[in-house]
Structures are given as C-alpha cells and as structure tokens.
C-alpha cells in the first residue's frame, strides 16, 4: 500500500512541477514576442527618421521599399508598422496590440508617444495633447510623433 501512495505523491509533485515549468516557458515566449514587437517598431521608426532626414520635402506614406536602405541589415517589416509625413512631421503608427508599458518606457515616457483619440494624440500615460494626428492614421492607433 505504501508504494502506491508514494508513487501517487511523486506523480502529483511531478505534474505540478511540469505545469509550473510550462507556465514559465510560455511567459518567456510572450515576453520575447512583446519585446520583439516594440524593438521592431523602434527600428522601423529609426529608418523612417533617416529617410525623412535624407528627403526633407517628402510627404505622405513612405513604402517599405523606400525605407529599405535605412533599415538595419536583415530587418523585415512584419507588416504592422506604418508611417506618414505631413507638414514635415513624421508619424509612425500601428493598430497592432503591443505592450504600451514597455513602449512608454523605451521612449522615456515621452508625451509624443500615445494613441489617436478624437483626431488628437493622447499620451500613453493618458495626458491629452494638442497635437493633431493626420486623418490617414486610424482612430485608437498607437502613434509616435516626430523624430
């Protein structure tokens, strides 16, 4: 009888351990994806800034082909990031759900990073700004304004 009880206890402890390890692994995968998205968006923005610096009279959206010379080696836009240039100002935006807390930290809590709400930029900390966002940017999109 004791061997059965002992084996049952070992099986229970092993199952709990395996479930905890799997939960930790899944959390690391999610964290990695979150960080990758934010870093990818930052690299995309950097390429758009370099493009605008090289083409100061540019307006409208710049295609990935136009940004390609400014992307880091091997970078491929996952298709979530967009840009537009209006009145000499760059707007990089996405409707993809990303970790806004991490994005806010990477941009040092800048008021120039937020969401488009009612045509204006609202910072990720919720502070209203008077910055008008172009109509091409979808409502509630995450927006990074300027360079």
C-alpha atoms as a PDB file:
ATOM      1  CA  UNK A   1       0.000   0.000   0.000  1.00  0.00           C
ATOM      2  CA  UNK A   2       2.785   2.471   0.866  1.00  0.00           C
ATOM      3  CA  UNK A   3       4.482   2.132  -2.536  1.00  0.00           C
ATOM      4  CA  UNK A   4       1.203   3.109  -4.246  1.00  0.00           C
ATOM      5  CA  UNK A   5       0.760   6.164  -2.017  1.00  0.00           C
ATOM      6  CA  UNK A   6       4.388   7.147  -2.526  1.00  0.00           C
ATOM      7  CA  UNK A   7       4.155   6.811  -6.310  1.00  0.00           C
ATOM      8  CA  UNK A   8       0.914   8.769  -6.311  1.00  0.00           C
ATOM      9  CA  UNK A   9       2.584  11.609  -4.377  1.00  0.00           C
ATOM     10  CA  UNK A  10       5.591  11.617  -6.724  1.00  0.00           C
ATOM     11  CA  UNK A  11       3.281  11.732  -9.747  1.00  0.00           C
ATOM     12  CA  UNK A  12       1.349  14.676  -8.270  1.00  0.00           C
ATOM     13  CA  UNK A  13       4.502  16.644  -7.441  1.00  0.00           C
ATOM     14  CA  UNK A  14       5.943  15.923 -10.900  1.00  0.00           C
ATOM     15  CA  UNK A  15       2.744  17.075 -12.595  1.00  0.00           C
ATOM     16  CA  UNK A  16       2.709  20.316 -10.613  1.00  0.00           C
ATOM     17  CA  UNK A  17       6.372  20.919 -11.458  1.00  0.00           C
ATOM     18  CA  UNK A  18       5.831  20.292 -15.173  1.00  0.00           C
ATOM     19  CA  UNK A  19       2.839  22.662 -15.221  1.00  0.00           C
ATOM     20  CA  UNK A  20       4.852  25.394 -13.486  1.00  0.00           C
ATOM     21  CA  UNK A  21       7.768  24.979 -15.902  1.00  0.00           C
ATOM     22  CA  UNK A  22       5.387  25.187 -18.880  1.00  0.00           C
ATOM     23  CA  UNK A  23       3.766  28.334 -17.475  1.00  0.00           C
ATOM     24  CA  UNK A  24       7.211  29.937 -17.033  1.00  0.00           C
ATOM     25  CA  UNK A  25       8.190  28.934 -20.567  1.00  0.00           C
ATOM     26  CA  UNK A  26       5.005  30.433 -22.006  1.00  0.00           C
ATOM     27  CA  UNK A  27       5.589  33.656 -20.070  1.00  0.00           C
ATOM     28  CA  UNK A  28       9.113  33.918 -21.535  1.00  0.00           C
ATOM     29  CA  UNK A  29       7.762  33.349 -25.047  1.00  0.00           C
ATOM     30  CA  UNK A  30       5.164  36.094 -24.553  1.00  0.00           C
ATOM     31  CA  UNK A  31       7.774  38.459 -23.116  1.00  0.00           C
ATOM     32  CA  UNK A  32      10.102  37.754 -26.020  1.00  0.00           C
ATOM     33  CA  UNK A  33       7.337  38.471 -28.549  1.00  0.00           C
ATOM     34  CA  UNK A  34       6.397  41.657 -26.713  1.00  0.00           C
ATOM     35  CA  UNK A  35       9.974  42.919 -26.698  1.00  0.00           C
ATOM     36  CA  UNK A  36      10.460  41.939 -30.331  1.00  0.00           C
ATOM     37  CA  UNK A  37       7.386  43.939 -31.377  1.00  0.00           C
ATOM     38  CA  UNK A  38       8.495  47.069 -29.541  1.00  0.00           C
ATOM     39  CA  UNK A  39      12.089  46.836 -30.807  1.00  0.00           C
ATOM     40  CA  UNK A  40      10.861  46.192 -34.352  1.00  0.00           C
ATOM     41  CA  UNK A  41       8.642  49.281 -34.183  1.00  0.00           C
ATOM     42  CA  UNK A  42      11.581  51.321 -32.902  1.00  0.00           C
ATOM     43  CA  UNK A  43      13.810  50.105 -35.763  1.00  0.00           C
ATOM     44  CA  UNK A  44      11.067  50.948 -38.264  1.00  0.00           C
ATOM     45  CA  UNK A  45      10.746  54.442 -36.804  1.00  0.00           C
ATOM     46  CA  UNK A  46      14.514  54.954 -36.951  1.00  0.00           C
ATOM     47  CA  UNK A  47      14.513  54.039 -40.663  1.00  0.00           C
ATOM     48  CA  UNK A  48      11.655  56.481 -41.289  1.00  0.00           C
ATOM     49  CA  UNK A  49      13.578  59.250 -39.489  1.00  0.00           C
ATOM     50  CA  UNK A  50      16.659  58.568 -41.621  1.00  0.00           C
ATOM     51  CA  UNK A  51      14.513  58.629 -44.752  1.00  0.00           C
ATOM     52  CA  UNK A  52      12.948  61.964 -43.770  1.00  0.00           C
ATOM     53  CA  UNK A  53      16.366  63.442 -42.975  1.00  0.00           C
ATOM     54  CA  UNK A  54      17.581  62.403 -46.445  1.00  0.00           C
ATOM     55  CA  UNK A  55      14.336  63.590 -48.107  1.00  0.00           C
ATOM     56  CA  UNK A  56      13.168  66.657 -46.160  1.00  0.00           C
ATOM     57  CA  UNK A  57      10.479  67.591 -48.706  1.00  0.00           C
ATOM     58  CA  UNK A  58       8.814  64.153 -48.561  1.00  0.00           C
ATOM     59  CA  UNK A  59       5.103  63.918 -47.838  1.00  0.00           C
ATOM     60  CA  UNK A  60       2.618  61.086 -47.450  1.00  0.00           C
ATOM     61  CA  UNK A  61       3.412  57.475 -46.717  1.00  0.00           C
ATOM     62  CA  UNK A  62       6.836  56.024 -47.478  1.00  0.00           C
ATOM     63  CA  UNK A  63       6.784  52.427 -48.713  1.00  0.00           C
ATOM     64  CA  UNK A  64       8.965  49.711 -47.234  1.00  0.00           C
ATOM     65  CA  UNK A  65      10.944  49.799 -50.491  1.00  0.00           C
ATOM     66  CA  UNK A  66      11.670  53.485 -49.857  1.00  0.00           C
ATOM     67  CA  UNK A  67      12.702  52.750 -46.277  1.00  0.00           C
ATOM     68  CA  UNK A  68      14.735  49.642 -47.168  1.00  0.00           C
ATOM     69  CA  UNK A  69      18.104  51.438 -47.488  1.00  0.00           C
ATOM     70  CA  UNK A  70      17.627  52.732 -43.938  1.00  0.00           C
ATOM     71  CA  UNK A  71      16.519  49.503 -42.268  1.00  0.00           C
ATOM     72  CA  UNK A  72      19.091  47.648 -40.161  1.00  0.00           C
ATOM     73  CA  UNK A  73      20.685  44.734 -42.013  1.00  0.00           C
ATOM     74  CA  UNK A  74      18.229  41.850 -42.212  1.00  0.00           C
ATOM     75  CA  UNK A  75      15.228  43.840 -40.949  1.00  0.00           C
ATOM     76  CA  UNK A  76      11.865  42.990 -42.453  1.00  0.00           C
ATOM     77  CA  UNK A  77       8.753  44.971 -41.573  1.00  0.00           C
ATOM     78  CA  UNK A  78       6.285  42.422 -40.185  1.00  0.00           C
ATOM     79  CA  UNK A  79       3.552  44.459 -41.868  1.00  0.00           C
ATOM     80  CA  UNK A  80       2.177  46.032 -38.699  1.00  0.00           C
ATOM     81  CA  UNK A  81       4.026  49.337 -38.855  1.00  0.00           C
ATOM     82  CA  UNK A  82       3.014  52.327 -40.968  1.00  0.00           C
ATOM     83  CA  UNK A  83       4.118  55.895 -41.449  1.00  0.00           C
ATOM     84  CA  UNK A  84       3.018  59.169 -42.906  1.00  0.00           C
ATOM     85  CA  UNK A  85       4.723  62.514 -43.264  1.00  0.00           C
ATOM     86  CA  UNK A  86       2.621  65.645 -43.031  1.00  0.00           C
ATOM     87  CA  UNK A  87       3.932  69.221 -42.990  1.00  0.00           C
ATOM     88  CA  UNK A  88       7.455  67.903 -42.448  1.00  0.00           C
ATOM     89  CA  UNK A  89       6.441  65.901 -39.363  1.00  0.00           C
ATOM     90  CA  UNK A  90       6.762  62.126 -39.161  1.00  0.00           C
ATOM     91  CA  UNK A  91       4.014  59.924 -37.717  1.00  0.00           C
ATOM     92  CA  UNK A  92       4.768  56.234 -37.194  1.00  0.00           C
ATOM     93  CA  UNK A  93       1.730  54.218 -36.199  1.00  0.00           C
ATOM     94  CA  UNK A  94       0.220  50.797 -35.733  1.00  0.00           C
ATOM     95  CA  UNK A  95      -3.131  49.278 -34.906  1.00  0.00           C
ATOM     96  CA  UNK A  96      -1.429  46.101 -33.654  1.00  0.00           C
ATOM     97  CA  UNK A  97      -1.818  45.423 -29.967  1.00  0.00           C
ATOM     98  CA  UNK A  98       1.599  45.867 -28.382  1.00  0.00           C
ATOM     99  CA  UNK A  99       2.876  46.340 -24.855  1.00  0.00           C
ATOM    100  CA  UNK A 100       2.281  50.053 -24.312  1.00  0.00           C
ATOM    101  CA  UNK A 101       4.005  49.974 -20.912  1.00  0.00           C
ATOM    102  CA  UNK A 102       7.223  48.721 -22.493  1.00  0.00           C
ATOM    103  CA  UNK A 103       6.855  51.182 -25.378  1.00  0.00           C
ATOM    104  CA  UNK A 104       6.356  54.039 -22.931  1.00  0.00           C
ATOM    105  CA  UNK A 105       9.480  53.014 -21.009  1.00  0.00           C
ATOM    106  CA  UNK A 106      11.568  52.716 -24.194  1.00  0.00           C
ATOM    107  CA  UNK A 107      10.564  56.265 -25.119  1.00  0.00           C
ATOM    108  CA  UNK A 108      11.221  57.576 -21.608  1.00  0.00           C
ATOM    109  CA  UNK A 109       7.526  58.365 -21.001  1.00  0.00           C
ATOM    110  CA  UNK A 110       7.506  60.863 -23.858  1.00  0.00           C
ATOM    111  CA  UNK A 111       4.298  62.764 -24.469  1.00  0.00           C
ATOM    112  CA  UNK A 112       4.955  62.266 -28.199  1.00  0.00           C
ATOM    113  CA  UNK A 113       4.020  58.587 -27.944  1.00  0.00           C
ATOM    114  CA  UNK A 114       0.371  57.736 -27.491  1.00  0.00           C
ATOM    115  CA  UNK A 115      -2.930  56.928 -29.153  1.00  0.00           C
ATOM    116  CA  UNK A 116      -5.022  58.818 -31.646  1.00  0.00           C
ATOM    117  CA  UNK A 117      -8.272  59.795 -29.951  1.00  0.00           C
ATOM    118  CA  UNK A 118     -10.750  62.234 -31.497  1.00  0.00           C
ATOM    119  CA  UNK A 119      -8.086  63.279 -34.002  1.00  0.00           C
ATOM    120  CA  UNK A 120      -5.547  64.226 -31.325  1.00  0.00           C
ATOM    121  CA  UNK A 121      -2.634  62.497 -29.633  1.00  0.00           C
ATOM    122  CA  UNK A 122      -3.248  61.273 -26.091  1.00  0.00           C
ATOM    123  CA  UNK A 123      -0.014  60.116 -24.442  1.00  0.00           C
ATOM    124  CA  UNK A 124       0.305  56.544 -23.198  1.00  0.00           C
ATOM    125  CA  UNK A 125       0.058  57.911 -19.662  1.00  0.00           C
ATOM    126  CA  UNK A 126      -3.345  59.394 -20.586  1.00  0.00           C
ATOM    127  CA  UNK A 127      -2.291  63.020 -20.871  1.00  0.00           C
ATOM    128  CA  UNK A 128      -4.128  64.940 -23.595  1.00  0.00           C
ATOM    129  CA  UNK A 129      -2.009  66.896 -26.048  1.00  0.00           C
ATOM    130  CA  UNK A 130      -2.980  69.429 -28.694  1.00  0.00           C
ATOM    131  CA  UNK A 131      -1.128  67.521 -31.414  1.00  0.00           C
ATOM    132  CA  UNK A 132      -3.388  66.846 -34.386  1.00  0.00           C
ATOM    133  CA  UNK A 133      -2.896  63.427 -35.964  1.00  0.00           C
ATOM    134  CA  UNK A 134      -3.438  63.076 -39.743  1.00  0.00           C
ATOM    135  CA  UNK A 135      -6.707  61.526 -40.911  1.00  0.00           C
ATOM    136  CA  UNK A 136      -4.871  58.602 -42.547  1.00  0.00           C
ATOM    137  CA  UNK A 137      -3.958  57.302 -39.061  1.00  0.00           C
ATOM    138  CA  UNK A 138      -6.770  55.092 -37.731  1.00  0.00           C
ATOM    139  CA  UNK A 139      -8.545  56.079 -34.543  1.00  0.00           C
ATOM    140  CA  UNK A 140      -7.062  54.459 -31.416  1.00  0.00           C
ATOM    141  CA  UNK A 141      -3.827  53.551 -33.260  1.00  0.00           C
ATOM    142  CA  UNK A 142      -0.587  53.792 -31.321  1.00  0.00           C
ATOM    143  CA  UNK A 143       1.320  56.775 -32.714  1.00  0.00           C
ATOM    144  CA  UNK A 144       4.872  58.028 -32.343  1.00  0.00           C
ATOM    145  CA  UNK A 145       5.127  61.661 -33.433  1.00  0.00           C
ATOM    146  CA  UNK A 146       8.265  63.277 -34.782  1.00  0.00           C
ATOM    147  CA  UNK A 147      11.866  62.270 -34.700  1.00  0.00           C
END
